[in-house]
Amino acid sequence: MTRVRMSLFVSLDGYTATTGVTSEHPMGEDWERLTAAYAATRTFRERVFGDTSGAGTTGVDEAHATAFFDEIGSEIMGASMFGLHVFPDDPDWKGWWGDEPPFNAPVYVLTSTAPRPPIPMQGGTTFHFRAGAIEDVLAEATEAAGGLDVRVGGGVRTAQAFLRAGLVDDLHVMIAPILLGRGTRLWDGLSGLELTHKVTAEAAESGTIHMTFTR
């Protein structure tokens, strides 16, 4: 049975999306600090950077990184995660994920600039652009997943929209051991999530706390 999954990064003081978005820092100036433990794992280095040397951390962070990629049949993301906010007027812009994005599945990008033609990429990823209701996009992504899971990515406003609508079955939150004091707060408007989902927590060797919310 298809489940809707989501993984997010957050600081100890509850911030996720950060300030200072530029072409050099498309996810904000603090993004590397938020994602440092994840980016250091063996799986991330192989799946995103193409590093097949076996280098990278193992342990708890690696276990969650591996699970992130397991059994995913399609992806939904916001325009900022694709990178439309960096070059919004460039019709040839194919996102900031490179020639072979790590998704290997249909990806549905939520954007007010749709309709736009789909962009097929190497490795099985095709970006589709949708401006409809998130429930309609989720239904399309679920059908495309072929019985596998649908993963919902960022940015944070996209994530919050799916969470507030009660559409997420499995939420994984990586709490980085840093204090940001700026950005967008993840948990605003999400009170009571622990009442509908079972909550577990696991500390990694990096100091990252992995919290899971499972319906």
Protein backbone atom coordinates (compact mmCIF):
# COMPACT_ATOMS: atom_id res chain seq x y z
CA MET A 1 0.00 0.00 0.00
CA THR A 2 1.34 3.40 -0.97
CA ARG A 3 2.31 5.64 1.92
CA VAL A 4 3.11 9.35 1.82
CA ARG A 5 6.54 10.01 3.32
CA MET A 6 8.43 13.17 4.19
CA SER A 7 11.90 13.95 5.56
CA LEU A 8 12.78 17.40 6.89
CA PHE A 9 15.71 19.20 8.50
CA VAL A 10 15.27 21.49 11.50
CA SER A 11 17.50 23.23 14.03
CA LEU A 12 17.27 22.84 17.81
CA ASP A 13 15.32 26.08 17.98
CA GLY A 14 12.82 24.93 15.35
CA TYR A 15 13.95 26.66 12.16
CA THR A 16 14.25 25.00 8.78
CA ALA A 17 14.10 27.29 5.74
CA THR A 18 16.80 29.90 6.13
CA THR A 19 17.55 33.37 4.85
CA GLY A 20 20.06 34.58 2.29
CA VAL A 21 18.79 32.66 -0.75
CA THR A 22 21.07 33.21 -3.77
CA SER A 23 22.16 31.23 -6.82
CA GLU A 24 25.18 30.11 -4.74
CA HIS A 25 22.96 29.21 -1.77
CA PRO A 26 19.62 28.17 -3.37
CA MET A 27 18.27 26.79 -0.08
CA GLY A 28 19.62 29.59 2.12
CA GLU A 29 22.88 30.44 3.84
CA ASP A 30 22.40 28.01 6.74
CA TRP A 31 21.36 24.99 4.68
CA GLU A 32 24.78 23.30 4.80
CA ARG A 33 24.81 23.55 8.59
CA LEU A 34 21.33 22.02 8.82
CA THR A 35 22.15 19.12 6.51
CA ALA A 36 25.81 18.48 7.40
CA ALA A 37 25.28 15.09 9.06
CA TYR A 38 23.07 13.82 6.25
CA ALA A 39 25.40 15.07 3.52
CA ALA A 40 28.32 13.27 5.19
CA THR A 41 26.71 9.81 4.96
CA ARG A 42 27.91 7.15 2.58
CA THR A 43 24.50 6.88 0.91
CA PHE A 44 24.15 10.62 0.30
CA ARG A 45 27.64 10.85 -1.16
CA GLU A 46 26.89 7.98 -3.52
CA ARG A 47 23.31 8.87 -4.52
CA VAL A 48 23.70 12.64 -4.82
CA PHE A 49 27.41 13.22 -5.52
CA GLY A 50 28.05 9.99 -7.44
CA ASP A 51 30.88 9.00 -5.08
CA THR A 52 31.22 5.22 -5.29
CA SER A 53 34.43 5.05 -3.26
CA GLY A 54 32.59 3.94 -0.12
CA ALA A 55 33.61 7.08 1.73
CA GLY A 56 31.17 8.63 4.17
CA THR A 57 29.81 8.14 7.65
CA THR A 58 27.91 5.08 8.80
CA GLY A 59 25.83 4.42 11.90
CA VAL A 60 22.44 5.94 12.68
CA ASP A 61 22.63 8.81 10.17
CA GLU A 62 23.53 6.37 7.39
CA ALA A 63 20.66 4.05 8.30
CA HIS A 64 18.16 6.88 7.95
CA ALA A 65 19.79 8.11 4.73
CA THR A 66 19.42 4.64 3.23
CA ALA A 67 15.77 4.45 4.30
CA PHE A 68 15.16 7.85 2.66
CA PHE A 69 15.71 6.34 -0.80
CA ASP A 70 13.99 2.96 -0.24
CA GLU A 71 10.73 2.09 -2.04
CA ILE A 72 10.05 5.53 -3.54
CA GLY A 73 7.91 5.52 -6.69
CA SER A 74 7.37 9.26 -7.17
CA GLU A 75 8.20 12.62 -5.60
CA ILE A 76 6.39 15.90 -4.98
CA MET A 77 8.33 19.09 -4.31
CA GLY A 78 7.85 22.83 -4.19
CA ALA A 79 9.21 25.25 -6.75
CA SER A 80 12.06 26.31 -4.45
CA MET A 81 13.33 22.74 -4.05
CA PHE A 82 13.45 22.42 -7.84
CA GLY A 83 15.15 25.80 -8.09
CA LEU A 84 12.58 27.87 -9.99
CA HIS A 85 13.17 30.74 -7.57
CA VAL A 86 16.80 31.01 -8.73
CA PHE A 87 16.13 31.44 -12.46
CA PRO A 88 12.36 32.00 -12.68
CA ASP A 89 12.42 33.51 -16.18
CA ASP A 90 14.86 31.12 -17.87
CA PRO A 91 12.86 28.65 -20.05
CA ASP A 92 15.95 26.42 -20.37
CA TRP A 93 16.56 26.09 -16.62
CA LYS A 94 16.33 22.40 -15.63
CA GLY A 95 16.75 22.81 -11.88
CA TRP A 96 19.81 22.68 -9.68
CA TRP A 97 19.96 18.87 -9.37
CA GLY A 98 22.37 18.34 -12.28
CA ASP A 99 22.02 16.24 -15.42
CA GLU A 100 21.15 13.07 -13.46
CA PRO A 101 18.98 13.97 -10.43
CA PRO A 102 18.92 11.46 -7.55
CA PHE A 103 15.16 10.82 -7.69
CA ASN A 104 15.03 8.14 -10.43
CA ALA A 105 11.25 8.51 -10.63
CA PRO A 106 8.55 10.97 -11.75
CA VAL A 107 8.81 14.26 -9.83
CA TYR A 108 5.85 16.66 -9.57
CA VAL A 109 6.89 20.28 -8.99
CA LEU A 110 4.26 22.56 -7.47
CA THR A 111 4.43 25.98 -9.10
CA SER A 112 2.13 28.82 -10.05
CA THR A 113 4.02 29.05 -13.37
CA ALA A 114 2.50 25.76 -14.62
CA PRO A 115 1.69 24.61 -17.21
CA ARG A 116 5.26 24.03 -18.33
CA PRO A 117 6.50 21.17 -20.51
CA PRO A 118 7.89 18.14 -18.64
CA ILE A 119 11.67 17.80 -18.42
CA PRO A 120 13.04 14.26 -18.83
CA MET A 121 16.45 13.79 -17.23
CA GLN A 122 19.05 11.04 -17.10
CA GLY A 123 18.54 8.20 -14.62
CA GLY A 124 14.75 7.96 -14.87
CA THR A 125 13.76 11.34 -13.39
CA THR A 126 11.15 13.38 -15.24
CA PHE A 127 10.06 16.72 -13.80
CA HIS A 128 6.35 17.52 -14.23
CA PHE A 129 4.96 20.93 -13.27
CA ARG A 130 1.56 21.30 -11.60
CA ALA A 131 -0.47 24.24 -10.28
CA GLY A 132 -3.50 22.33 -9.00
CA ALA A 133 -4.65 21.42 -5.51
CA ILE A 134 -2.16 19.35 -3.54
CA GLU A 135 -4.74 16.57 -3.17
CA ASP A 136 -5.01 16.29 -6.95
CA VAL A 137 -1.25 16.29 -7.42
CA LEU A 138 -0.91 13.64 -4.72
CA ALA A 139 -3.48 11.45 -6.49
CA GLU A 140 -1.51 11.72 -9.74
CA ALA A 141 1.79 11.00 -7.96
CA THR A 142 0.24 8.00 -6.18
CA GLU A 143 -0.87 6.49 -9.46
CA ALA A 144 2.57 7.10 -10.98
CA ALA A 145 4.24 5.43 -7.98
CA GLY A 146 2.85 2.05 -9.02
CA GLY A 147 2.34 0.76 -5.49
CA LEU A 148 5.55 2.22 -4.09
CA ASP A 149 5.59 5.23 -1.75
CA VAL A 150 5.24 8.92 -2.58
CA ARG A 151 7.84 11.19 -1.03
CA VAL A 152 7.02 14.86 -0.42
CA GLY A 153 10.00 17.20 -0.33
CA GLY A 154 10.39 20.86 0.53
CA GLY A 155 10.42 23.72 0.74
CA VAL A 156 8.97 24.19 4.16
CA ARG A 157 5.70 25.76 2.97
CA THR A 158 5.02 22.78 0.74
CA ALA A 159 5.79 20.44 3.63
CA GLN A 160 3.54 22.37 6.00
CA ALA A 161 0.67 22.36 3.48
CA PHE A 162 0.74 18.55 3.24
CA LEU A 163 1.08 18.14 7.01
CA ARG A 164 -1.75 20.55 7.82
CA ALA A 165 -3.98 18.76 5.31
CA GLY A 166 -3.33 15.46 7.10
CA LEU A 167 -1.83 13.84 4.00
CA VAL A 168 1.47 12.57 5.46
CA ASP A 169 1.73 9.03 6.81
CA ASP A 170 5.43 9.00 7.77
CA LEU A 171 7.36 12.10 8.81
CA HIS A 172 11.09 11.92 9.55
CA VAL A 173 12.63 15.02 11.11
CA MET A 174 16.40 15.40 11.47
CA ILE A 175 17.10 17.83 14.30
CA ALA A 176 20.59 19.25 13.83
CA PRO A 177 22.52 20.19 17.00
CA ILE A 178 22.71 23.87 16.00
CA LEU A 179 20.89 27.09 16.87
CA LEU A 180 19.90 29.31 13.94
CA GLY A 181 17.68 32.01 15.44
CA ARG A 182 16.36 32.90 11.98
CA GLY A 183 14.43 31.46 9.07
CA THR A 184 11.02 29.78 8.94
CA ARG A 185 9.71 27.78 11.86
CA LEU A 186 8.65 24.25 10.99
CA TRP A 187 6.14 23.49 13.73
CA ASP A 188 3.90 26.56 13.54
CA GLY A 189 0.33 25.48 12.90
CA LEU A 190 1.08 21.78 13.43
CA SER A 191 -0.01 21.31 17.04
CA GLY A 192 -1.45 17.89 17.83
CA LEU A 193 0.60 15.93 15.30
CA GLU A 194 1.69 13.63 18.13
CA LEU A 195 -1.97 12.72 18.68
CA THR A 196 -2.42 11.28 15.20
CA HIS A 197 1.05 9.77 14.76
CA LYS A 198 3.24 7.53 16.91
CA VAL A 199 6.44 9.41 17.82
CA THR A 200 9.89 7.86 18.27
CA ALA A 201 13.32 9.45 18.64
CA GLU A 202 16.85 8.20 18.07
CA ALA A 203 20.14 10.04 18.64
CA ALA A 204 22.94 9.64 16.11
CA GLU A 205 26.68 9.73 16.62
CA SER A 206 26.74 13.17 14.96
CA GLY A 207 24.46 14.61 17.64
CA THR A 208 21.53 14.69 15.20
CA ILE A 209 18.21 13.58 16.68
CA HIS A 210 16.03 11.57 14.29
CA MET A 211 12.36 11.91 15.15
CA THR A 212 9.75 9.87 13.33
CA PHE A 213 6.00 10.41 13.26
CA THR A 214 4.16 7.33 11.96
CA ARG A 215 0.42 7.12 11.34
